Amino acid sequence: MAEPLRKPPWFKINRLAVGERASGVLQAIARNQLHTVCTSAACPNKGACFAEGTATFMILGDVCTRACRFCNIATGRPDLEDLEEPRRLADAAAKMGLRFVVVTSVCRDDLADEGAGAFASSIRALRDQIPGVKVEVLTPDFSGREDCLRTVLSAGPHVFNHNLETVERLTPRVRTKAKYNRSLSVLRTVREIEPSLPTKSGLMVGLGETREEMRQAFRDLAGVGIERLTIGQYLQPTRLHHPVVRFYDLDEFAQMREEAREAGIAAVLSGPLVRSSYHAGEFVASGQGAESGKQRSEARE
């Protein structure tokens, strides 16, 4: 097995969660028996987000029914759906003082509604517990089912996010059971059902894509009405996952940001440590399409 590609000398990550706010986040998560994508997916920004009092809640357990080759979340047979989870999630978010909450999930192909009802219940529980809260959902593809999308949208999320993840050629290799055009169809259908709802997607780089394939992905996403896009460096979780083929430098991330904007995507956050949910509330509130200076400095720390 080939040795993993080494990170550039300037690419440093601090995953350690320190300070009183980080401790409060960890306690709220543990007390309410919740999961976060921050921990389950080994997000490089976990320490920074916890220290700022934020987290991306992952509902429906921490075992996924798919086995995508980029993802660190465990694969297997999940437990039964926990119907009390939305209430506990809202309780934890309230105790953390959150005003903007991101809710994602594992894929649950085993459930009749593929988990759509749990998203809707979580949104409603958050609204009941935290007046004025804004909720972003980052959903699986629900096998492209419109009824599942309508279930989620009926609860009134403020942002709908579904990640395309990678270019069309690499999708069968990287995203088990997913389909490039189906993900685009999910985003298009949401725009058709709720034209005023902001839609968002995310792409990873470093999996072996070409720059022209990336530009085509930008055009495809713009074509289905995406308004916000995140672009970040893929990091290989373990030796069993898809390898990192290359690391992009800061100038290349800036170039991709401009290419995405030229394709018609209004707001683009592009940088090595950018992830779908990182500073999500700030990204939505500002509507800015620029690489975060914070990301630029963090990459070099």
C-alpha atoms as a PDB file:
ATOM      1  CA  MET A   1       0.000   0.000   0.000  1.00  0.00           C
ATOM      2  CA  ALA A   2       1.401   3.388  -1.001  1.00  0.00           C
ATOM      3  CA  GLU A   3       2.355   5.867   1.689  1.00  0.00           C
ATOM      4  CA  PRO A   4      -0.241   8.643   2.193  1.00  0.00           C
ATOM      5  CA  LEU A   5       0.617  11.950   0.599  1.00  0.00           C
ATOM      6  CA  ARG A   6       2.201  14.271   3.156  1.00  0.00           C
ATOM      7  CA  LYS A   7       0.545  17.566   3.979  1.00  0.00           C
ATOM      8  CA  PRO A   8       2.419  20.704   2.920  1.00  0.00           C
ATOM      9  CA  PRO A   9       4.548  22.212   5.720  1.00  0.00           C
ATOM     10  CA  TRP A  10       2.111  25.134   6.143  1.00  0.00           C
ATOM     11  CA  PHE A  11      -0.951  22.888   6.478  1.00  0.00           C
ATOM     12  CA  LYS A  12      -1.475  22.517  10.222  1.00  0.00           C
ATOM     13  CA  ILE A  13      -4.621  21.477  12.071  1.00  0.00           C
ATOM     14  CA  ASN A  14      -5.533  22.011  15.718  1.00  0.00           C
ATOM     15  CA  ARG A  15      -8.313  19.587  16.648  1.00  0.00           C
ATOM     16  CA  LEU A  16      -7.998  20.140  20.389  1.00  0.00           C
ATOM     17  CA  ALA A  17     -11.109  21.655  21.949  1.00  0.00           C
ATOM     18  CA  VAL A  18     -10.098  23.849  24.863  1.00  0.00           C
ATOM     19  CA  GLY A  19     -11.689  26.466  27.090  1.00  0.00           C
ATOM     20  CA  GLU A  20     -14.922  26.910  29.005  1.00  0.00           C
ATOM     21  CA  ARG A  21     -17.132  27.176  25.898  1.00  0.00           C
ATOM     22  CA  ALA A  22     -15.665  24.011  24.384  1.00  0.00           C
ATOM     23  CA  SER A  23     -16.243  22.208  27.672  1.00  0.00           C
ATOM     24  CA  GLY A  24     -19.853  23.386  27.715  1.00  0.00           C
ATOM     25  CA  VAL A  25     -20.423  22.137  24.166  1.00  0.00           C
ATOM     26  CA  LEU A  26     -18.968  18.725  24.953  1.00  0.00           C
ATOM     27  CA  GLN A  27     -21.035  18.444  28.132  1.00  0.00           C
ATOM     28  CA  ALA A  28     -24.278  19.408  26.368  1.00  0.00           C
ATOM     29  CA  ILE A  29     -23.639  16.843  23.638  1.00  0.00           C
ATOM     30  CA  ALA A  30     -22.787  14.063  26.093  1.00  0.00           C
ATOM     31  CA  ARG A  31     -25.615  14.879  28.516  1.00  0.00           C
ATOM     32  CA  ASN A  32     -28.202  14.692  25.736  1.00  0.00           C
ATOM     33  CA  GLN A  33     -26.722  11.553  24.149  1.00  0.00           C
ATOM     34  CA  LEU A  34     -26.187  13.295  20.826  1.00  0.00           C
ATOM     35  CA  HIS A  35     -23.738  12.912  17.984  1.00  0.00           C
ATOM     36  CA  THR A  36     -21.909  15.548  15.994  1.00  0.00           C
ATOM     37  CA  VAL A  37     -20.468  15.276  12.522  1.00  0.00           C
ATOM     38  CA  CYS A  38     -17.536  17.206  13.997  1.00  0.00           C
ATOM     39  CA  THR A  39     -16.426  14.129  15.936  1.00  0.00           C
ATOM     40  CA  SER A  40     -17.861  11.273  13.864  1.00  0.00           C
ATOM     41  CA  ALA A  41     -16.428  12.551  10.587  1.00  0.00           C
ATOM     42  CA  ALA A  42     -13.121  13.699  12.163  1.00  0.00           C
ATOM     43  CA  CYS A  43     -13.618  17.279  11.007  1.00  0.00           C
ATOM     44  CA  PRO A  44     -10.365  19.302  11.085  1.00  0.00           C
ATOM     45  CA  ASN A  45     -12.225  22.296  12.534  1.00  0.00           C
ATOM     46  CA  LYS A  46     -13.657  20.485  15.564  1.00  0.00           C
ATOM     47  CA  GLY A  47     -11.472  22.223  18.119  1.00  0.00           C
ATOM     48  CA  ALA A  48     -12.107  25.694  16.732  1.00  0.00           C
ATOM     49  CA  CYS A  49     -15.861  25.218  16.474  1.00  0.00           C
ATOM     50  CA  PHE A  50     -16.248  23.734  19.961  1.00  0.00           C
ATOM     51  CA  ALA A  51     -14.179  26.584  21.390  1.00  0.00           C
ATOM     52  CA  GLU A  52     -16.581  29.041  19.719  1.00  0.00           C
ATOM     53  CA  GLY A  53     -19.600  27.250  21.187  1.00  0.00           C
ATOM     54  CA  THR A  54     -20.841  25.701  17.948  1.00  0.00           C
ATOM     55  CA  ALA A  55     -21.377  22.190  16.635  1.00  0.00           C
ATOM     56  CA  THR A  56     -23.101  20.459  13.742  1.00  0.00           C
ATOM     57  CA  PHE A  57     -25.608  17.981  15.143  1.00  0.00           C
ATOM     58  CA  MET A  58     -25.810  14.589  13.445  1.00  0.00           C
ATOM     59  CA  ILE A  59     -29.181  12.918  13.918  1.00  0.00           C
ATOM     60  CA  LEU A  60     -30.324   9.323  13.433  1.00  0.00           C
ATOM     61  CA  GLY A  61     -27.327   7.779  15.157  1.00  0.00           C
ATOM     62  CA  ASP A  62     -23.687   7.459  14.191  1.00  0.00           C
ATOM     63  CA  VAL A  63     -23.853   4.413  11.915  1.00  0.00           C
ATOM     64  CA  CYS A  64     -24.460   4.965   8.200  1.00  0.00           C
ATOM     65  CA  THR A  65     -26.051   2.551   5.736  1.00  0.00           C
ATOM     66  CA  ARG A  66     -23.606   3.627   3.033  1.00  0.00           C
ATOM     67  CA  ALA A  67     -19.834   3.288   2.839  1.00  0.00           C
ATOM     68  CA  CYS A  68     -18.527   6.316   0.991  1.00  0.00           C
ATOM     69  CA  ARG A  69     -14.762   6.088   0.545  1.00  0.00           C
ATOM     70  CA  PHE A  70     -14.088   9.623   1.733  1.00  0.00           C
ATOM     71  CA  CYS A  71     -16.093   9.486   4.960  1.00  0.00           C
ATOM     72  CA  ASN A  72     -14.956   8.517   8.461  1.00  0.00           C
ATOM     73  CA  ILE A  73     -18.449   7.728   9.788  1.00  0.00           C
ATOM     74  CA  ALA A  74     -18.970   4.071  10.680  1.00  0.00           C
ATOM     75  CA  THR A  75     -20.911   1.841   8.279  1.00  0.00           C
ATOM     76  CA  GLY A  76     -23.227  -0.969   9.324  1.00  0.00           C
ATOM     77  CA  ARG A  77     -26.723  -1.719  10.589  1.00  0.00           C
ATOM     78  CA  PRO A  78     -28.007   1.309  12.548  1.00  0.00           C
ATOM     79  CA  ASP A  79     -30.121   1.183  15.671  1.00  0.00           C
ATOM     80  CA  LEU A  80     -33.843   1.880  15.583  1.00  0.00           C
ATOM     81  CA  GLU A  81     -34.791   5.536  15.151  1.00  0.00           C
ATOM     82  CA  ASP A  82     -34.765   7.414  18.456  1.00  0.00           C
ATOM     83  CA  LEU A  83     -37.994   9.440  18.476  1.00  0.00           C
ATOM     84  CA  GLU A  84     -36.861  11.483  21.496  1.00  0.00           C
ATOM     85  CA  GLU A  85     -33.702  12.688  19.781  1.00  0.00           C
ATOM     86  CA  PRO A  86     -35.197  15.914  18.299  1.00  0.00           C
ATOM     87  CA  ARG A  87     -36.265  17.072  21.761  1.00  0.00           C
ATOM     88  CA  ARG A  88     -32.812  16.396  23.224  1.00  0.00           C
ATOM     89  CA  LEU A  89     -31.150  18.146  20.294  1.00  0.00           C
ATOM     90  CA  ALA A  90     -33.249  21.251  20.835  1.00  0.00           C
ATOM     91  CA  ASP A  91     -32.522  21.148  24.558  1.00  0.00           C
ATOM     92  CA  ALA A  92     -28.777  20.989  23.955  1.00  0.00           C
ATOM     93  CA  ALA A  93     -28.897  23.794  21.368  1.00  0.00           C
ATOM     94  CA  ALA A  94     -30.849  25.972  23.799  1.00  0.00           C
ATOM     95  CA  LYS A  95     -28.374  25.348  26.619  1.00  0.00           C
ATOM     96  CA  MET A  96     -25.510  26.201  24.250  1.00  0.00           C
ATOM     97  CA  GLY A  97     -27.225  29.485  23.412  1.00  0.00           C
ATOM     98  CA  LEU A  98     -27.291  28.769  19.691  1.00  0.00           C
ATOM     99  CA  ARG A  99     -29.202  31.034  17.318  1.00  0.00           C
ATOM    100  CA  PHE A 100     -28.123  29.207  14.157  1.00  0.00           C
ATOM    101  CA  VAL A 101     -28.153  25.410  14.162  1.00  0.00           C
ATOM    102  CA  VAL A 102     -26.899  23.002  11.513  1.00  0.00           C
ATOM    103  CA  VAL A 103     -28.533  19.572  11.422  1.00  0.00           C
ATOM    104  CA  THR A 104     -27.158  16.735   9.330  1.00  0.00           C
ATOM    105  CA  SER A 105     -27.493  12.956   9.455  1.00  0.00           C
ATOM    106  CA  VAL A 106     -26.076   9.643   8.459  1.00  0.00           C
ATOM    107  CA  CYS A 107     -27.755   7.983   5.481  1.00  0.00           C
ATOM    108  CA  ARG A 108     -30.664   5.821   6.625  1.00  0.00           C
ATOM    109  CA  ASP A 109     -31.707   3.834   3.565  1.00  0.00           C
ATOM    110  CA  ASP A 110     -33.188   1.326   6.002  1.00  0.00           C
ATOM    111  CA  LEU A 111     -36.004   3.656   7.117  1.00  0.00           C
ATOM    112  CA  ALA A 112     -39.277   3.997   5.248  1.00  0.00           C
ATOM    113  CA  ASP A 113     -38.792   7.763   4.886  1.00  0.00           C
ATOM    114  CA  GLU A 114     -34.965   7.533   4.831  1.00  0.00           C
ATOM    115  CA  GLY A 115     -34.829   9.868   7.833  1.00  0.00           C
ATOM    116  CA  ALA A 116     -36.750  12.803   6.362  1.00  0.00           C
ATOM    117  CA  GLY A 117     -39.223  12.814   9.242  1.00  0.00           C
ATOM    118  CA  ALA A 118     -36.409  13.098  11.789  1.00  0.00           C
ATOM    119  CA  PHE A 119     -35.131  16.223  10.019  1.00  0.00           C
ATOM    120  CA  ALA A 120     -38.616  17.754  10.116  1.00  0.00           C
ATOM    121  CA  SER A 121     -39.088  16.847  13.787  1.00  0.00           C
ATOM    122  CA  SER A 122     -35.690  18.331  14.663  1.00  0.00           C
ATOM    123  CA  ILE A 123     -36.467  21.612  12.906  1.00  0.00           C
ATOM    124  CA  ARG A 124     -39.824  21.897  14.682  1.00  0.00           C
ATOM    125  CA  ALA A 125     -38.311  21.028  18.075  1.00  0.00           C
ATOM    126  CA  LEU A 126     -35.658  23.703  17.614  1.00  0.00           C
ATOM    127  CA  ARG A 127     -38.283  26.292  16.661  1.00  0.00           C
ATOM    128  CA  ASP A 128     -40.370  25.412  19.709  1.00  0.00           C
ATOM    129  CA  GLN A 129     -37.419  25.567  22.099  1.00  0.00           C
ATOM    130  CA  ILE A 130     -35.514  28.563  20.679  1.00  0.00           C
ATOM    131  CA  PRO A 131     -37.675  31.452  19.411  1.00  0.00           C
ATOM    132  CA  GLY A 132     -36.163  32.997  16.307  1.00  0.00           C
ATOM    133  CA  VAL A 133     -33.657  30.197  15.731  1.00  0.00           C
ATOM    134  CA  LYS A 134     -32.422  29.618  12.185  1.00  0.00           C
ATOM    135  CA  VAL A 135     -31.811  26.074  10.992  1.00  0.00           C
ATOM    136  CA  GLU A 136     -29.666  24.811   8.152  1.00  0.00           C
ATOM    137  CA  VAL A 137     -30.169  21.207   7.091  1.00  0.00           C
ATOM    138  CA  LEU A 138     -27.467  19.184   5.373  1.00  0.00           C
ATOM    139  CA  THR A 139     -29.295  16.150   4.050  1.00  0.00           C
ATOM    140  CA  PRO A 140     -28.491  12.895   2.280  1.00  0.00           C
ATOM    141  CA  ASP A 141     -29.972  12.414  -1.191  1.00  0.00           C
ATOM    142  CA  PHE A 142     -33.011  10.430   0.108  1.00  0.00           C
ATOM    143  CA  SER A 143     -32.576   8.297  -3.040  1.00  0.00           C
ATOM    144  CA  GLY A 144     -33.911  11.296  -4.946  1.00  0.00           C
ATOM    145  CA  ARG A 145     -37.431  10.949  -3.474  1.00  0.00           C
ATOM    146  CA  GLU A 146     -39.485  14.116  -3.753  1.00  0.00           C
ATOM    147  CA  ASP A 147     -41.808  13.039  -0.933  1.00  0.00           C
ATOM    148  CA  CYS A 148     -38.846  12.985   1.467  1.00  0.00           C
ATOM    149  CA  LEU A 149     -37.716  16.425   0.335  1.00  0.00           C
ATOM    150  CA  ARG A 150     -41.222  17.796   0.817  1.00  0.00           C
ATOM    151  CA  THR A 151     -41.299  16.355   4.349  1.00  0.00           C
ATOM    152  CA  VAL A 152     -38.114  18.228   5.271  1.00  0.00           C
ATOM    153  CA  LEU A 153     -39.185  21.441   3.553  1.00  0.00           C
ATOM    154  CA  SER A 154     -42.580  21.391   5.249  1.00  0.00           C
ATOM    155  CA  ALA A 155     -40.842  22.138   8.569  1.00  0.00           C
ATOM    156  CA  GLY A 156     -39.393  25.368   7.206  1.00  0.00           C
ATOM    157  CA  PRO A 157     -35.575  25.188   7.275  1.00  0.00           C
ATOM    158  CA  HIS A 158     -33.765  28.449   6.563  1.00  0.00           C
ATOM    159  CA  VAL A 159     -31.078  26.868   4.348  1.00  0.00           C
ATOM    160  CA  PHE A 160     -31.120  23.577   2.442  1.00  0.00           C
ATOM    161  CA  ASN A 161     -27.713  21.999   1.897  1.00  0.00           C
ATOM    162  CA  HIS A 162     -26.883  18.836   0.017  1.00  0.00           C
ATOM    163  CA  ASN A 163     -23.282  18.142  -0.923  1.00  0.00           C
ATOM    164  CA  LEU A 164     -22.278  17.140  -4.430  1.00  0.00           C
ATOM    165  CA  GLU A 165     -18.927  16.224  -2.827  1.00  0.00           C
ATOM    166  CA  THR A 166     -16.903  15.528  -5.995  1.00  0.00           C
ATOM    167  CA  VAL A 167     -16.889  15.657  -9.790  1.00  0.00           C
ATOM    168  CA  GLU A 168     -18.996  13.378 -11.951  1.00  0.00           C
ATOM    169  CA  ARG A 169     -16.196  11.008 -12.993  1.00  0.00           C
ATOM    170  CA  LEU A 170     -15.133  10.283  -9.417  1.00  0.00           C
ATOM    171  CA  THR A 171     -18.614   9.958  -7.899  1.00  0.00           C
ATOM    172  CA  PRO A 172     -19.036   6.178  -8.434  1.00  0.00           C
ATOM    173  CA  ARG A 173     -15.609   5.577  -6.881  1.00  0.00           C
ATOM    174  CA  VAL A 174     -15.962   7.937  -3.940  1.00  0.00           C
ATOM    175  CA  ARG A 175     -19.679   8.078  -3.032  1.00  0.00           C
ATOM    176  CA  THR A 176     -21.135   4.604  -2.526  1.00  0.00           C
ATOM    177  CA  LYS A 177     -24.738   4.311  -3.792  1.00  0.00           C
ATOM    178  CA  ALA A 178     -24.856   8.021  -4.667  1.00  0.00           C
ATOM    179  CA  LYS A 179     -25.245   9.436  -8.156  1.00  0.00           C
ATOM    180  CA  TYR A 180     -23.924  12.752  -9.432  1.00  0.00           C
ATOM    181  CA  ASN A 181     -27.039  13.630 -11.420  1.00  0.00           C
ATOM    182  CA  ARG A 182     -29.327  12.499  -8.614  1.00  0.00           C
ATOM    183  CA  SER A 183     -27.660  14.944  -6.229  1.00  0.00           C
ATOM    184  CA  LEU A 184     -28.124  17.710  -8.779  1.00  0.00           C
ATOM    185  CA  SER A 185     -31.760  16.646  -9.133  1.00  0.00           C
ATOM    186  CA  VAL A 186     -32.253  16.906  -5.348  1.00  0.00           C
ATOM    187  CA  LEU A 187     -31.018  20.486  -5.384  1.00  0.00           C
ATOM    188  CA  ARG A 188     -33.075  21.351  -8.457  1.00  0.00           C
ATOM    189  CA  THR A 189     -36.240  19.882  -6.907  1.00  0.00           C
ATOM    190  CA  VAL A 190     -35.777  21.902  -3.713  1.00  0.00           C
ATOM    191  CA  ARG A 191     -35.504  25.083  -5.779  1.00  0.00           C
ATOM    192  CA  GLU A 192     -38.665  24.166  -7.660  1.00  0.00           C
ATOM    193  CA  ILE A 193     -40.630  23.443  -4.475  1.00  0.00           C
ATOM    194  CA  GLU A 194     -39.288  26.439  -2.480  1.00  0.00           C
ATOM    195  CA  PRO A 195     -37.857  28.995  -4.926  1.00  0.00           C
ATOM    196  CA  SER A 196     -37.041  31.506  -2.186  1.00  0.00           C
ATOM    197  CA  LEU A 197     -35.188  29.032   0.060  1.00  0.00           C
ATOM    198  CA  PRO A 198     -31.381  29.436  -0.097  1.00  0.00           C
ATOM    199  CA  THR A 199     -29.721  26.285  -1.410  1.00  0.00           C
ATOM    200  CA  LYS A 200     -26.152  25.284  -0.768  1.00  0.00           C
ATOM    201  CA  SER A 201     -23.693  22.557  -1.704  1.00  0.00           C
ATOM    202  CA  GLY A 202     -20.116  21.507  -1.044  1.00  0.00           C
ATOM    203  CA  LEU A 203     -17.190  20.067  -2.989  1.00  0.00           C
ATOM    204  CA  MET A 204     -13.940  18.433  -1.891  1.00  0.00           C
ATOM    205  CA  VAL A 205     -10.719  18.710  -3.879  1.00  0.00           C
ATOM    206  CA  GLY A 206      -7.652  16.517  -3.908  1.00  0.00           C
ATOM    207  CA  LEU A 207      -9.406  13.277  -4.847  1.00  0.00           C
ATOM    208  CA  GLY A 208      -7.961  13.171  -8.358  1.00  0.00           C
ATOM    209  CA  GLU A 209     -10.263  15.609 -10.162  1.00  0.00           C
ATOM    210  CA  THR A 210      -9.043  17.947 -12.886  1.00  0.00           C
ATOM    211  CA  ARG A 211      -9.581  21.682 -12.813  1.00  0.00           C
ATOM    212  CA  GLU A 212     -11.820  21.463 -15.885  1.00  0.00           C
ATOM    213  CA  GLU A 213     -13.937  18.828 -14.114  1.00  0.00           C
ATOM    214  CA  MET A 214     -14.245  21.237 -11.201  1.00  0.00           C
ATOM    215  CA  ARG A 215     -15.324  24.042 -13.520  1.00  0.00           C
ATOM    216  CA  GLN A 216     -17.962  21.723 -14.982  1.00  0.00           C
ATOM    217  CA  ALA A 217     -19.213  20.918 -11.474  1.00  0.00           C
ATOM    218  CA  PHE A 218     -19.488  24.662 -10.796  1.00  0.00           C
ATOM    219  CA  ARG A 219     -21.547  25.093 -13.959  1.00  0.00           C
ATOM    220  CA  ASP A 220     -23.741  22.106 -13.071  1.00  0.00           C
ATOM    221  CA  LEU A 221     -24.427  23.476  -9.594  1.00  0.00           C
ATOM    222  CA  ALA A 222     -25.167  26.947 -10.929  1.00  0.00           C
ATOM    223  CA  GLY A 223     -27.530  25.336 -13.412  1.00  0.00           C
ATOM    224  CA  VAL A 224     -29.711  23.946 -10.621  1.00  0.00           C
ATOM    225  CA  GLY A 225     -29.833  27.283  -8.825  1.00  0.00           C
ATOM    226  CA  ILE A 226     -27.238  26.862  -6.071  1.00  0.00           C
ATOM    227  CA  GLU A 227     -26.555  30.171  -4.323  1.00  0.00           C
ATOM    228  CA  ARG A 228     -23.866  29.129  -1.835  1.00  0.00           C
ATOM    229  CA  LEU A 229     -20.922  26.769  -2.245  1.00  0.00           C
ATOM    230  CA  THR A 230     -18.115  25.532  -0.006  1.00  0.00           C
ATOM    231  CA  ILE A 231     -14.854  24.160  -1.430  1.00  0.00           C
ATOM    232  CA  GLY A 232     -12.329  22.438   0.836  1.00  0.00           C
ATOM    233  CA  GLN A 233      -9.330  20.142   0.801  1.00  0.00           C
ATOM    234  CA  TYR A 234     -10.062  16.422   1.169  1.00  0.00           C
ATOM    235  CA  LEU A 235      -8.159  14.770   4.002  1.00  0.00           C
ATOM    236  CA  GLN A 236      -7.852  10.980   4.093  1.00  0.00           C
ATOM    237  CA  PRO A 237      -9.309   9.698   7.409  1.00  0.00           C
ATOM    238  CA  THR A 238      -7.506   6.321   7.383  1.00  0.00           C
ATOM    239  CA  ARG A 239      -5.385   4.218   5.060  1.00  0.00           C
ATOM    240  CA  LEU A 240      -8.539   2.326   4.071  1.00  0.00           C
ATOM    241  CA  HIS A 241     -10.152   5.446   2.614  1.00  0.00           C
ATOM    242  CA  HIS A 242      -9.653   7.072  -0.775  1.00  0.00           C
ATOM    243  CA  PRO A 243      -6.147   8.568  -0.897  1.00  0.00           C
ATOM    244  CA  VAL A 244      -5.338  12.240  -1.177  1.00  0.00           C
ATOM    245  CA  VAL A 245      -4.036  12.657  -4.719  1.00  0.00           C
ATOM    246  CA  ARG A 246      -2.832  16.226  -4.237  1.00  0.00           C
ATOM    247  CA  PHE A 247      -2.981  19.228  -1.944  1.00  0.00           C
ATOM    248  CA  TYR A 248      -4.122  22.540  -3.387  1.00  0.00           C
ATOM    249  CA  ASP A 249      -2.405  25.734  -2.373  1.00  0.00           C
ATOM    250  CA  LEU A 250      -4.073  28.931  -1.201  1.00  0.00           C
ATOM    251  CA  ASP A 251      -3.812  30.632  -4.585  1.00  0.00           C
ATOM    252  CA  GLU A 252      -5.572  27.700  -6.253  1.00  0.00           C
ATOM    253  CA  PHE A 253      -8.405  27.885  -3.738  1.00  0.00           C
ATOM    254  CA  ALA A 254      -8.762  31.575  -4.540  1.00  0.00           C
ATOM    255  CA  GLN A 255      -8.835  30.762  -8.268  1.00  0.00           C
ATOM    256  CA  MET A 256     -11.539  28.124  -7.777  1.00  0.00           C
ATOM    257  CA  ARG A 257     -13.577  30.617  -5.781  1.00  0.00           C
ATOM    258  CA  GLU A 258     -13.490  33.033  -8.705  1.00  0.00           C
ATOM    259  CA  GLU A 259     -14.265  30.288 -11.231  1.00  0.00           C
ATOM    260  CA  ALA A 260     -17.313  29.229  -9.220  1.00  0.00           C
ATOM    261  CA  ARG A 261     -18.523  32.802  -9.020  1.00  0.00           C
ATOM    262  CA  GLU A 262     -17.989  33.249 -12.753  1.00  0.00           C
ATOM    263  CA  ALA A 263     -20.111  30.121 -13.296  1.00  0.00           C
ATOM    264  CA  GLY A 264     -22.976  31.896 -11.528  1.00  0.00           C
ATOM    265  CA  ILE A 265     -22.739  30.915  -7.859  1.00  0.00           C
ATOM    266  CA  ALA A 266     -23.167  34.057  -5.778  1.00  0.00           C
ATOM    267  CA  ALA A 267     -21.404  33.139  -2.516  1.00  0.00           C
ATOM    268  CA  VAL A 268     -18.377  30.860  -2.396  1.00  0.00           C
ATOM    269  CA  LEU A 269     -16.252  29.951   0.611  1.00  0.00           C
ATOM    270  CA  SER A 270     -13.028  28.303  -0.581  1.00  0.00           C
ATOM    271  CA  GLY A 271     -10.009  27.263   1.463  1.00  0.00           C
ATOM    272  CA  PRO A 272      -8.050  24.245   2.743  1.00  0.00           C
ATOM    273  CA  LEU A 273     -10.054  23.802   5.957  1.00  0.00           C
ATOM    274  CA  VAL A 274     -13.428  24.887   4.602  1.00  0.00           C
ATOM    275  CA  ARG A 275     -16.168  22.357   5.304  1.00  0.00           C
ATOM    276  CA  SER A 276     -19.907  22.357   4.653  1.00  0.00           C
ATOM    277  CA  SER A 277     -20.905  23.616   8.073  1.00  0.00           C
ATOM    278  CA  TYR A 278     -17.887  25.642   9.150  1.00  0.00           C
ATOM    279  CA  HIS A 279     -19.023  29.164  10.148  1.00  0.00           C
ATOM    280  CA  ALA A 280     -22.329  28.328   8.453  1.00  0.00           C
ATOM    281  CA  GLY A 281     -24.291  31.038  10.245  1.00  0.00           C
ATOM    282  CA  GLU A 282     -21.763  33.713   9.350  1.00  0.00           C
ATOM    283  CA  PHE A 283     -21.633  32.531   5.743  1.00  0.00           C
ATOM    284  CA  VAL A 284     -25.403  32.704   5.378  1.00  0.00           C
ATOM    285  CA  ALA A 285     -25.727  36.009   7.217  1.00  0.00           C
ATOM    286  CA  SER A 286     -23.008  37.738   5.241  1.00  0.00           C
ATOM    287  CA  GLY A 287     -23.790  36.232   1.856  1.00  0.00           C
ATOM    288  CA  GLN A 288     -20.169  36.923   1.003  1.00  0.00           C
ATOM    289  CA  GLY A 289     -18.424  34.971  -1.697  1.00  0.00           C
ATOM    290  CA  ALA A 290     -14.865  35.138  -0.524  1.00  0.00           C
ATOM    291  CA  GLU A 291     -12.245  32.917   1.000  1.00  0.00           C
ATOM    292  CA  SER A 292     -12.272  33.397   4.731  1.00  0.00           C
ATOM    293  CA  GLY A 293      -9.264  35.229   6.096  1.00  0.00           C
ATOM    294  CA  LYS A 294      -9.707  33.108   9.193  1.00  0.00           C
ATOM    295  CA  GLN A 295      -9.304  29.996   7.049  1.00  0.00           C
ATOM    296  CA  ARG A 296      -6.168  31.420   5.455  1.00  0.00           C
ATOM    297  CA  SER A 297      -4.558  32.111   8.832  1.00  0.00           C
ATOM    298  CA  GLU A 298      -5.670  28.822  10.415  1.00  0.00           C
ATOM    299  CA  ALA A 299      -4.144  26.845   7.550  1.00  0.00           C
ATOM    300  CA  ARG A 300      -0.748  28.325   8.399  1.00  0.00           C
ATOM    301  CA  GLU A 301      -0.856  28.022  12.195  1.00  0.00           C
END
